[in-house]
Amino acid sequence: MRMARPVRINVAGGWYHITARGHNRGRIYGGPGDYTRFLKLLDEMSARFRVRVHAYALMPNHYHLLISTPEGNASRAMQWVNVSYGVWYNRKHGRCGSLFQGRFGAVLVEGSAWGLPVSAYIHLNPVVMSSKGFGKSDRAAERLGLRRPDEQDITRRLHDLRAFEWSSYRAYAGYGSKPAWLETGALLRRVKDAQTGYRKYVEECIRQGGEEQVLSKVKWGLVLGGERFARKVRGKAKICRESLGLRDLRTRKSFEDIVKAVERLKGERWEAFRDKHADWGRDLVLWCARRYSGLTLRELGAQVGGVDYTGVSMAIKRIESRGKTDRALRKTMNQLMAICEK
């Protein structure tokens, strides 16, 4: 049974906590160049879609963003970022397939009341790790007074927080320069003494066992805010769920659309390569259609002349394997993904 796609509520002026994780929890940043490329895309996104980026933390296998959308276009903006980065990353690292695990997560945030604690939660990500002795159970024990960190623990955590290069905390706290595209004013105005006040606010969280309660307040996996705000958003979500099926169909690609895209990339007609021995064109269509058309293996087999579902499965695995060693094919697969994810 196909899982329903997460509901997206695109609100003009809305604030969102955005998250995305690597496929199978794999890495999405392999080194400084990858982090830098992603930040450049955030810069371009803010200009292209008029999205305001208020906070970010880029971790090896996932990222967190706090954004606001004057034009109510969070879905379009984030899809553009993930596709653009995924295609670039695949080309650089010689891989194919999805970089991210499913669609990005988006929680609509009541910015006036919750923007500040959400930003603290995001900025604490480089510190709150089990490997650093500050995992979920460790933080819970400290908040309950069952465990007391010594001064060395506190000093190490504060150092890690302040030194982490790939979050916006250094810009907020005055430890580093601020990118022109990063909007810090909206949150700094909510604390006394601007950068000094923000630094005290976040670093006190470390001394008190972390900013753990924020995500526990998310309602229905959709919204973070007061009761009145949450119910208003939930009403919009119901409307979205009622029309989800039609919207989902609009975002899928038809088998015919995928064939046309492969024809353009190969410079050949479907009839010329569909049944051609040793030609990867048909397998590429099947691979792409399995990802983007919603058709089952049996239905795909019928589309290519009655191939049984095991044959379709083998064809998909075959081209995925070939794409790992054939650079020209891998480039074509990435181009096809970019077309289908527009």
Protein backbone atom coordinates (compact mmCIF):
# COMPACT_ATOMS: atom_id res chain seq x y z
CA MET A 1 0.00 0.00 0.00
CA ARG A 2 1.41 3.37 -1.01
CA MET A 3 2.07 5.74 1.89
CA ALA A 4 0.35 9.11 1.76
CA ARG A 5 2.69 12.00 1.12
CA PRO A 6 3.09 14.47 3.99
CA VAL A 7 0.65 17.36 3.97
CA ARG A 8 2.15 20.68 2.95
CA ILE A 9 0.58 23.92 4.17
CA ASN A 10 2.04 26.81 2.18
CA VAL A 11 1.25 30.03 4.02
CA ALA A 12 2.21 33.55 2.90
CA GLY A 13 4.33 34.90 5.74
CA GLY A 14 4.57 31.46 7.36
CA TRP A 15 7.58 30.24 9.35
CA TYR A 16 8.79 26.66 8.89
CA HIS A 17 11.18 24.26 10.57
CA ILE A 18 12.54 22.30 7.59
CA THR A 19 14.44 19.03 7.89
CA ALA A 20 15.84 16.52 5.41
CA ARG A 21 17.86 13.37 5.99
CA GLY A 22 20.15 11.35 3.76
CA HIS A 23 18.81 8.19 2.11
CA ASN A 24 19.19 5.29 4.55
CA ARG A 25 20.70 7.85 6.94
CA GLY A 26 23.69 8.19 4.65
CA ARG A 27 25.90 11.25 4.43
CA ILE A 28 24.75 14.23 2.41
CA TYR A 29 27.92 16.28 2.95
CA GLY A 30 31.28 14.68 2.27
CA GLY A 31 33.52 17.64 3.06
CA PRO A 32 33.84 21.44 3.24
CA GLY A 33 33.13 21.87 -0.48
CA ASP A 34 29.74 20.17 -0.11
CA TYR A 35 28.70 22.30 2.85
CA THR A 36 29.80 25.43 0.99
CA ARG A 37 27.84 24.42 -2.12
CA PHE A 38 24.67 23.89 -0.07
CA LEU A 39 25.03 27.30 1.57
CA LYS A 40 25.42 28.89 -1.87
CA LEU A 41 22.15 27.26 -2.88
CA LEU A 42 20.45 28.72 0.20
CA ASP A 43 21.74 32.11 -0.91
CA GLU A 44 20.34 31.59 -4.40
CA MET A 45 17.05 30.25 -3.01
CA SER A 46 16.55 33.32 -0.87
CA ALA A 47 16.92 35.53 -3.94
CA ARG A 48 15.04 33.35 -6.42
CA PHE A 49 12.02 32.56 -4.24
CA ARG A 50 12.15 35.51 -1.81
CA VAL A 51 12.48 33.06 1.09
CA ARG A 52 14.05 34.32 4.31
CA VAL A 53 16.53 31.98 5.97
CA HIS A 54 16.57 32.63 9.73
CA ALA A 55 18.70 29.73 11.01
CA TYR A 56 20.45 26.61 9.77
CA ALA A 57 22.55 23.68 10.94
CA LEU A 58 24.12 21.32 8.42
CA MET A 59 24.99 17.94 9.92
CA PRO A 60 26.82 15.14 8.06
CA ASN A 61 23.63 13.18 7.25
CA HIS A 62 20.83 15.74 7.68
CA TYR A 63 20.07 19.44 7.89
CA HIS A 64 17.77 21.80 9.77
CA LEU A 65 16.48 25.16 8.53
CA LEU A 66 14.22 27.84 9.95
CA ILE A 67 12.70 29.84 7.10
CA SER A 68 9.83 32.20 6.45
CA THR A 69 7.98 32.60 3.15
CA PRO A 70 6.45 35.99 2.29
CA GLU A 71 4.99 34.42 -0.86
CA GLY A 72 3.84 31.09 0.64
CA ASN A 73 6.14 28.99 -1.54
CA ALA A 74 8.05 26.80 0.92
CA SER A 75 7.41 23.59 -1.06
CA ARG A 76 8.68 25.00 -4.36
CA ALA A 77 11.72 26.60 -2.77
CA MET A 78 12.82 23.53 -0.81
CA GLN A 79 12.18 21.16 -3.70
CA TRP A 80 14.44 23.36 -5.83
CA VAL A 81 17.21 23.29 -3.20
CA ASN A 82 17.09 19.52 -2.68
CA VAL A 83 16.97 18.67 -6.38
CA SER A 84 19.71 21.16 -7.28
CA TYR A 85 21.99 19.95 -4.53
CA GLY A 86 21.21 16.25 -5.11
CA VAL A 87 22.07 16.45 -8.81
CA TRP A 88 25.29 18.38 -8.08
CA TYR A 89 26.32 15.99 -5.29
CA ASN A 90 25.71 12.92 -7.43
CA ARG A 91 27.85 14.28 -10.24
CA LYS A 92 30.66 15.27 -7.90
CA HIS A 93 30.77 11.99 -5.99
CA GLY A 94 29.99 9.62 -8.86
CA ARG A 95 26.74 8.27 -7.51
CA CYS A 96 23.17 7.95 -8.76
CA GLY A 97 19.76 7.71 -7.14
CA SER A 98 18.10 9.80 -4.47
CA LEU A 99 20.39 11.59 -2.06
CA PHE A 100 17.60 12.42 0.39
CA GLN A 101 15.28 10.00 2.16
CA GLY A 102 11.77 10.83 1.00
CA ARG A 103 10.39 14.33 1.01
CA PHE A 104 11.71 16.99 3.33
CA GLY A 105 9.93 17.52 6.65
CA ALA A 106 8.15 20.81 7.26
CA VAL A 107 6.53 21.98 10.49
CA LEU A 108 4.64 25.27 10.35
CA VAL A 109 5.83 27.38 13.27
CA GLU A 110 4.08 30.23 15.06
CA GLY A 111 7.09 32.46 14.54
CA SER A 112 6.27 35.17 17.06
CA ALA A 113 6.15 32.70 19.97
CA TRP A 114 8.23 29.71 18.85
CA GLY A 115 10.78 31.05 16.39
CA LEU A 116 13.35 31.72 19.11
CA PRO A 117 13.27 28.26 20.81
CA VAL A 118 13.23 26.51 17.42
CA SER A 119 16.35 28.43 16.40
CA ALA A 120 18.03 27.35 19.67
CA TYR A 121 17.04 23.73 19.00
CA ILE A 122 18.58 23.97 15.53
CA HIS A 123 21.79 25.57 16.74
CA LEU A 124 22.27 22.97 19.48
CA ASN A 125 22.29 20.09 16.97
CA PRO A 126 26.10 19.87 16.70
CA VAL A 127 26.29 19.39 20.48
CA VAL A 128 23.34 17.15 21.41
CA MET A 129 24.83 13.81 20.40
CA SER A 130 25.19 10.54 22.26
CA SER A 131 28.76 10.31 20.97
CA LYS A 132 29.52 13.48 22.92
CA GLY A 133 27.81 12.30 26.08
CA PHE A 134 24.89 14.64 25.51
CA GLY A 135 22.32 12.40 23.83
CA LYS A 136 18.60 12.32 24.51
CA SER A 137 18.81 10.16 27.63
CA ASP A 138 21.74 12.20 28.96
CA ARG A 139 19.83 15.45 28.57
CA ALA A 140 16.72 14.02 30.19
CA ALA A 141 18.76 12.85 33.19
CA GLU A 142 20.34 16.27 33.56
CA ARG A 143 17.01 18.11 33.40
CA LEU A 144 15.60 15.80 36.08
CA GLY A 145 18.63 16.32 38.29
CA LEU A 146 19.61 12.65 38.07
CA ARG A 147 22.96 13.55 36.60
CA ARG A 148 25.11 16.64 36.97
CA PRO A 149 27.64 17.53 34.28
CA ASP A 150 31.00 18.74 35.56
CA GLU A 151 32.64 21.95 34.39
CA GLN A 152 34.74 20.06 31.85
CA ASP A 153 31.54 18.73 30.23
CA ILE A 154 30.05 22.22 30.04
CA THR A 155 33.27 23.74 28.69
CA ARG A 156 33.58 21.07 26.00
CA ARG A 157 29.96 21.50 24.88
CA LEU A 158 30.27 25.27 24.71
CA HIS A 159 33.47 24.93 22.69
CA ASP A 160 31.81 22.55 20.23
CA LEU A 161 28.82 24.88 19.86
CA ARG A 162 30.93 27.98 19.27
CA ALA A 163 33.42 26.30 16.95
CA PHE A 164 30.97 24.50 14.67
CA GLU A 165 31.39 26.05 11.23
CA TRP A 166 28.27 24.84 9.44
CA SER A 167 25.49 26.49 11.44
CA SER A 168 24.26 30.06 11.80
CA TYR A 169 25.00 30.15 15.54
CA ARG A 170 28.35 31.90 15.15
CA ALA A 171 26.67 34.72 13.23
CA TYR A 172 23.93 35.07 15.87
CA ALA A 173 26.27 34.97 18.85
CA GLY A 174 28.92 37.28 17.45
CA TYR A 175 31.59 34.62 16.95
CA GLY A 176 31.68 34.96 13.17
CA SER A 177 30.52 37.05 10.22
CA LYS A 178 26.94 36.92 8.96
CA PRO A 179 26.18 35.93 5.35
CA ALA A 180 24.23 38.65 3.56
CA TRP A 181 21.34 36.28 2.89
CA LEU A 182 20.92 35.19 6.54
CA GLU A 183 18.10 37.08 8.29
CA THR A 184 19.02 37.41 11.97
CA GLY A 185 17.16 40.60 12.86
CA ALA A 186 13.73 39.04 13.39
CA LEU A 187 15.03 36.74 16.16
CA LEU A 188 17.62 39.06 17.69
CA ARG A 189 14.87 41.61 18.28
CA ARG A 190 13.18 39.09 20.58
CA VAL A 191 16.04 39.01 23.10
CA LYS A 192 17.57 41.76 25.19
CA ASP A 193 21.02 42.95 24.08
CA ALA A 194 20.80 41.32 20.64
CA GLN A 195 23.83 39.05 20.04
CA THR A 196 24.88 39.02 23.69
CA GLY A 197 21.34 38.14 24.78
CA TYR A 198 20.99 35.45 22.14
CA ARG A 199 24.30 33.89 23.12
CA LYS A 200 23.24 33.76 26.77
CA TYR A 201 19.84 32.30 25.83
CA VAL A 202 21.28 29.41 23.79
CA GLU A 203 24.29 28.66 25.94
CA GLU A 204 22.15 28.52 29.05
CA CYS A 205 20.27 25.67 27.36
CA ILE A 206 23.48 23.65 27.47
CA ARG A 207 23.83 24.24 31.18
CA GLN A 208 20.19 23.26 31.73
CA GLY A 209 20.22 20.02 29.73
CA GLY A 210 19.38 21.20 26.22
CA GLU A 211 16.36 22.61 24.40
CA GLU A 212 14.42 19.34 24.40
CA GLN A 213 10.82 20.40 24.86
CA VAL A 214 10.38 22.19 21.52
CA LEU A 215 9.58 19.27 19.22
CA SER A 216 7.47 17.55 21.87
CA LYS A 217 5.01 20.43 21.41
CA VAL A 218 4.46 19.76 17.69
CA LYS A 219 0.79 18.92 17.05
CA TRP A 220 -0.23 16.29 14.49
CA GLY A 221 3.30 16.31 13.08
CA LEU A 222 2.35 19.51 11.32
CA VAL A 223 2.32 22.62 13.47
CA LEU A 224 4.14 24.20 16.41
CA GLY A 225 2.29 27.00 18.14
CA GLY A 226 -0.48 28.02 20.49
CA GLU A 227 -3.86 26.27 20.51
CA ARG A 228 -5.62 28.90 18.43
CA PHE A 229 -2.83 28.96 15.83
CA ALA A 230 -2.67 25.16 15.70
CA ARG A 231 -6.40 24.70 15.15
CA LYS A 232 -6.41 27.28 12.40
CA VAL A 233 -3.62 25.43 10.62
CA ARG A 234 -5.29 22.07 11.18
CA GLY A 235 -8.38 23.36 9.38
CA LYS A 236 -6.24 24.12 6.36
CA ALA A 237 -4.65 20.70 6.61
CA LYS A 238 -8.05 18.99 6.40
CA ILE A 239 -8.74 20.78 3.15
CA CYS A 240 -5.39 19.61 1.83
CA ARG A 241 -6.04 15.99 2.82
CA GLU A 242 -9.42 16.00 1.09
CA SER A 243 -7.77 17.04 -2.17
CA LEU A 244 -4.54 15.09 -1.62
CA GLY A 245 -5.30 12.41 -4.17
CA LEU A 246 -5.90 14.84 -7.01
CA ARG A 247 -2.87 16.92 -6.10
CA ASP A 248 -0.70 13.83 -5.87
CA LEU A 249 -1.76 12.75 -9.34
CA ARG A 250 -0.83 16.16 -10.68
CA THR A 251 2.69 15.89 -9.27
CA ARG A 252 3.35 12.41 -10.70
CA LYS A 253 4.87 11.92 -14.11
CA SER A 254 3.04 9.82 -16.66
CA PHE A 255 4.82 6.95 -18.38
CA GLU A 256 4.51 8.86 -21.65
CA ASP A 257 6.16 11.97 -20.16
CA ILE A 258 9.09 9.87 -18.96
CA VAL A 259 9.47 8.23 -22.38
CA LYS A 260 9.56 11.68 -24.01
CA ALA A 261 12.21 12.87 -21.55
CA VAL A 262 14.42 9.84 -22.30
CA GLU A 263 13.89 10.35 -26.03
CA ARG A 264 15.18 13.92 -25.71
CA LEU A 265 18.21 12.87 -23.66
CA LYS A 266 19.12 10.02 -26.04
CA GLY A 267 18.22 11.85 -29.24
CA GLU A 268 16.27 8.80 -30.43
CA ARG A 269 12.66 7.76 -30.73
CA TRP A 270 11.25 5.21 -28.23
CA GLU A 271 10.48 2.75 -31.01
CA ALA A 272 14.12 2.78 -32.09
CA PHE A 273 15.59 1.71 -28.74
CA ARG A 274 12.75 0.03 -26.82
CA ASP A 275 13.57 -3.48 -28.01
CA LYS A 276 17.17 -2.89 -29.09
CA HIS A 277 19.59 -5.44 -27.64
CA ALA A 278 22.16 -4.07 -25.16
CA ASP A 279 20.61 -0.59 -25.31
CA TRP A 280 20.03 0.94 -21.86
CA GLY A 281 17.18 3.22 -22.98
CA ARG A 282 14.29 0.94 -22.03
CA ASP A 283 15.83 0.11 -18.67
CA LEU A 284 16.29 3.82 -17.99
CA VAL A 285 12.60 4.44 -18.69
CA LEU A 286 11.61 1.62 -16.33
CA TRP A 287 13.97 2.88 -13.60
CA CYS A 288 12.62 6.39 -13.84
CA ALA A 289 8.97 5.37 -14.14
CA ARG A 290 9.24 3.19 -11.06
CA ARG A 291 10.39 6.26 -9.10
CA TYR A 292 8.05 8.89 -10.52
CA SER A 293 4.97 7.38 -12.18
CA GLY A 294 3.41 5.44 -9.30
CA LEU A 295 3.01 2.38 -11.55
CA THR A 296 3.61 -1.10 -10.13
CA LEU A 297 6.19 -3.49 -11.57
CA ARG A 298 3.45 -5.43 -13.33
CA GLU A 299 1.98 -2.26 -14.83
CA LEU A 300 5.41 -1.18 -16.03
CA GLY A 301 5.94 -4.57 -17.62
CA ALA A 302 2.70 -4.17 -19.55
CA GLN A 303 3.88 -0.77 -20.82
CA VAL A 304 6.95 -2.32 -22.44
CA GLY A 305 5.33 -5.24 -24.20
CA GLY A 306 4.38 -7.75 -21.52
CA VAL A 307 7.58 -8.17 -19.50
CA ASP A 308 6.84 -9.92 -16.20
CA TYR A 309 7.43 -8.10 -12.93
CA THR A 310 10.64 -10.00 -12.13
CA GLY A 311 12.07 -8.94 -15.49
CA VAL A 312 11.21 -5.31 -14.73
CA SER A 313 12.84 -5.57 -11.30
CA MET A 314 15.99 -7.07 -12.83
CA ALA A 315 16.12 -4.32 -15.47
CA ILE A 316 15.94 -1.61 -12.79
CA LYS A 317 18.68 -3.24 -10.72
CA ARG A 318 20.77 -3.71 -13.85
CA ILE A 319 20.76 -0.04 -14.80
CA GLU A 320 21.34 1.09 -11.22
CA SER A 321 24.42 -1.13 -11.12
CA ARG A 322 25.65 0.09 -14.50
CA GLY A 323 25.12 3.70 -13.45
CA LYS A 324 27.72 3.27 -10.71
CA THR A 325 30.53 2.66 -13.23
CA ASP A 326 29.32 4.30 -16.47
CA ARG A 327 29.88 8.05 -16.09
CA ALA A 328 27.91 9.00 -19.21
CA LEU A 329 24.91 6.96 -18.10
CA ARG A 330 25.15 8.32 -14.56
CA LYS A 331 25.08 11.86 -15.95
CA THR A 332 21.96 11.02 -17.99
CA MET A 333 20.25 9.50 -14.95
CA ASN A 334 20.91 12.65 -12.94
CA GLN A 335 19.59 14.82 -15.78
CA LEU A 336 16.45 12.69 -15.94
CA MET A 337 15.88 13.02 -12.20
CA ALA A 338 16.21 16.79 -12.46
CA ILE A 339 13.57 16.85 -15.23
CA CYS A 340 11.13 14.68 -13.30
CA GLU A 341 11.48 16.54 -10.02
CA LYS A 342 10.68 19.97 -11.44
